[in-house]
Amino acid sequence: MPRKRALGAATVAILRAVQDGHRFGLDVMDATGLPSGTVYPTLARMEARSFVESEWEADADAKAAGRPARRYYTVTPEGARELSEAVQRLAVLAGVAPRPAGQG
């Protein structure tokens, strides 16, 4: 069985931001400090991999707020699992968590 590809640092940061309630692109950019050229393509890839789901805001709500409609993202159960595994893996690499038994 092929080994699944580990999530990169930017993907982990974006997924964590969405999980923490930063639901649209500009808000994710503010939360992570990442540029739009990283955030939006990463969100699209994560949606294609079923790590996040998105929904467009109603046009009437956007008009009432005087701005373009926003695309809101939420983390899926699959995305939450991937994020948890990635955070554990990064903690081991950073030396702040013990290695799981049998690895080393």
Protein backbone atom coordinates (compact mmCIF):
# COMPACT_ATOMS: atom_id res chain seq x y z
CA MET A 1 0.00 0.00 0.00
CA PRO A 2 1.49 3.38 -0.95
CA ARG A 3 2.41 5.67 1.91
CA LYS A 4 0.21 8.73 2.19
CA ARG A 5 1.90 12.07 1.71
CA ALA A 6 2.48 14.14 4.86
CA LEU A 7 0.85 17.56 5.03
CA GLY A 8 3.18 20.53 4.62
CA ALA A 9 3.53 23.27 7.20
CA ALA A 10 1.38 25.76 5.26
CA THR A 11 -1.39 23.19 4.82
CA VAL A 12 -1.31 22.37 8.53
CA ALA A 13 -1.45 26.08 9.42
CA ILE A 14 -4.40 26.70 7.09
CA LEU A 15 -6.30 23.61 8.22
CA ARG A 16 -5.73 24.59 11.86
CA ALA A 17 -6.95 28.14 11.18
CA VAL A 18 -10.15 26.86 9.55
CA GLN A 19 -10.69 24.44 12.43
CA ASP A 20 -10.22 27.33 14.87
CA GLY A 21 -13.06 29.26 13.19
CA HIS A 22 -11.30 31.37 10.54
CA ARG A 23 -13.73 30.39 7.82
CA PHE A 24 -13.02 32.53 4.74
CA GLY A 25 -9.83 33.18 2.78
CA LEU A 26 -8.90 36.66 3.99
CA ASP A 27 -9.55 35.65 7.60
CA VAL A 28 -7.29 32.59 7.12
CA MET A 29 -4.61 34.85 5.63
CA ASP A 30 -4.78 37.13 8.68
CA ALA A 31 -4.66 34.18 11.09
CA THR A 32 -1.71 32.46 9.43
CA GLY A 33 0.27 35.33 7.94
CA LEU A 34 0.35 33.44 4.63
CA PRO A 35 -0.22 35.20 1.28
CA SER A 36 -3.27 34.71 -0.92
CA GLY A 37 -1.14 32.80 -3.45
CA THR A 38 -0.64 30.13 -0.79
CA VAL A 39 -3.98 30.20 1.02
CA TYR A 40 -6.44 29.98 -1.87
CA PRO A 41 -4.69 27.21 -3.85
CA THR A 42 -4.21 25.24 -0.62
CA LEU A 43 -7.88 25.58 0.28
CA ALA A 44 -8.80 24.34 -3.21
CA ARG A 45 -6.48 21.32 -2.88
CA MET A 46 -7.81 20.55 0.60
CA GLU A 47 -11.37 20.68 -0.72
CA ALA A 48 -10.43 18.30 -3.55
CA ARG A 49 -8.97 15.91 -0.94
CA SER A 50 -12.16 16.23 1.20
CA PHE A 51 -10.31 17.86 4.13
CA VAL A 52 -12.58 20.92 3.97
CA GLU A 53 -15.98 21.73 2.54
CA SER A 54 -17.09 25.15 1.34
CA GLU A 55 -20.28 27.07 0.88
CA TRP A 56 -20.85 30.47 -0.69
CA GLU A 57 -22.45 33.18 1.41
CA ALA A 58 -25.86 34.38 0.22
CA ASP A 59 -25.57 37.36 -2.15
CA ALA A 60 -28.13 39.31 -0.10
CA ASP A 61 -26.00 38.94 3.05
CA ALA A 62 -22.87 40.10 1.24
CA LYS A 63 -24.68 43.08 -0.31
CA ALA A 64 -26.09 44.05 3.09
CA ALA A 65 -22.52 44.06 4.43
CA GLY A 66 -21.34 46.07 1.41
CA ARG A 67 -18.82 43.51 0.11
CA PRO A 68 -18.48 40.61 -2.31
CA ALA A 69 -19.84 37.22 -1.25
CA ARG A 70 -17.46 35.10 0.81
CA ARG A 71 -16.76 31.41 0.45
CA TYR A 72 -16.92 29.82 3.91
CA TYR A 73 -14.87 26.72 4.72
CA THR A 74 -15.35 24.06 7.38
CA VAL A 75 -13.10 21.15 8.31
CA THR A 76 -14.49 17.69 7.54
CA PRO A 77 -14.00 14.70 9.86
CA GLU A 78 -11.34 13.46 7.39
CA GLY A 79 -9.58 16.83 7.59
CA ALA A 80 -9.70 16.79 11.39
CA ARG A 81 -8.05 13.33 11.40
CA GLU A 82 -5.37 14.46 8.97
CA LEU A 83 -4.70 17.59 11.03
CA SER A 84 -4.40 15.59 14.24
CA GLU A 85 -1.94 13.15 12.65
CA ALA A 86 0.10 15.99 11.14
CA VAL A 87 0.32 17.86 14.45
CA GLN A 88 1.46 14.69 16.23
CA ARG A 89 4.06 14.03 13.52
CA LEU A 90 5.36 17.61 13.69
CA ALA A 91 5.58 17.42 17.49
CA VAL A 92 7.74 14.30 17.22
CA LEU A 93 9.95 15.99 14.62
CA ALA A 94 10.28 19.05 16.84
CA GLY A 95 11.25 16.84 19.77
CA VAL A 96 8.32 17.91 21.95
CA ALA A 97 6.49 14.58 21.92
CA PRO A 98 7.64 11.02 22.52
CA ARG A 99 7.97 8.77 19.47
CA PRO A 100 5.19 6.21 19.14
CA ALA A 101 6.23 2.68 20.16
CA GLY A 102 7.93 0.75 17.37
CA GLN A 103 9.21 3.84 15.57
CA GLY A 104 12.63 5.12 15.92
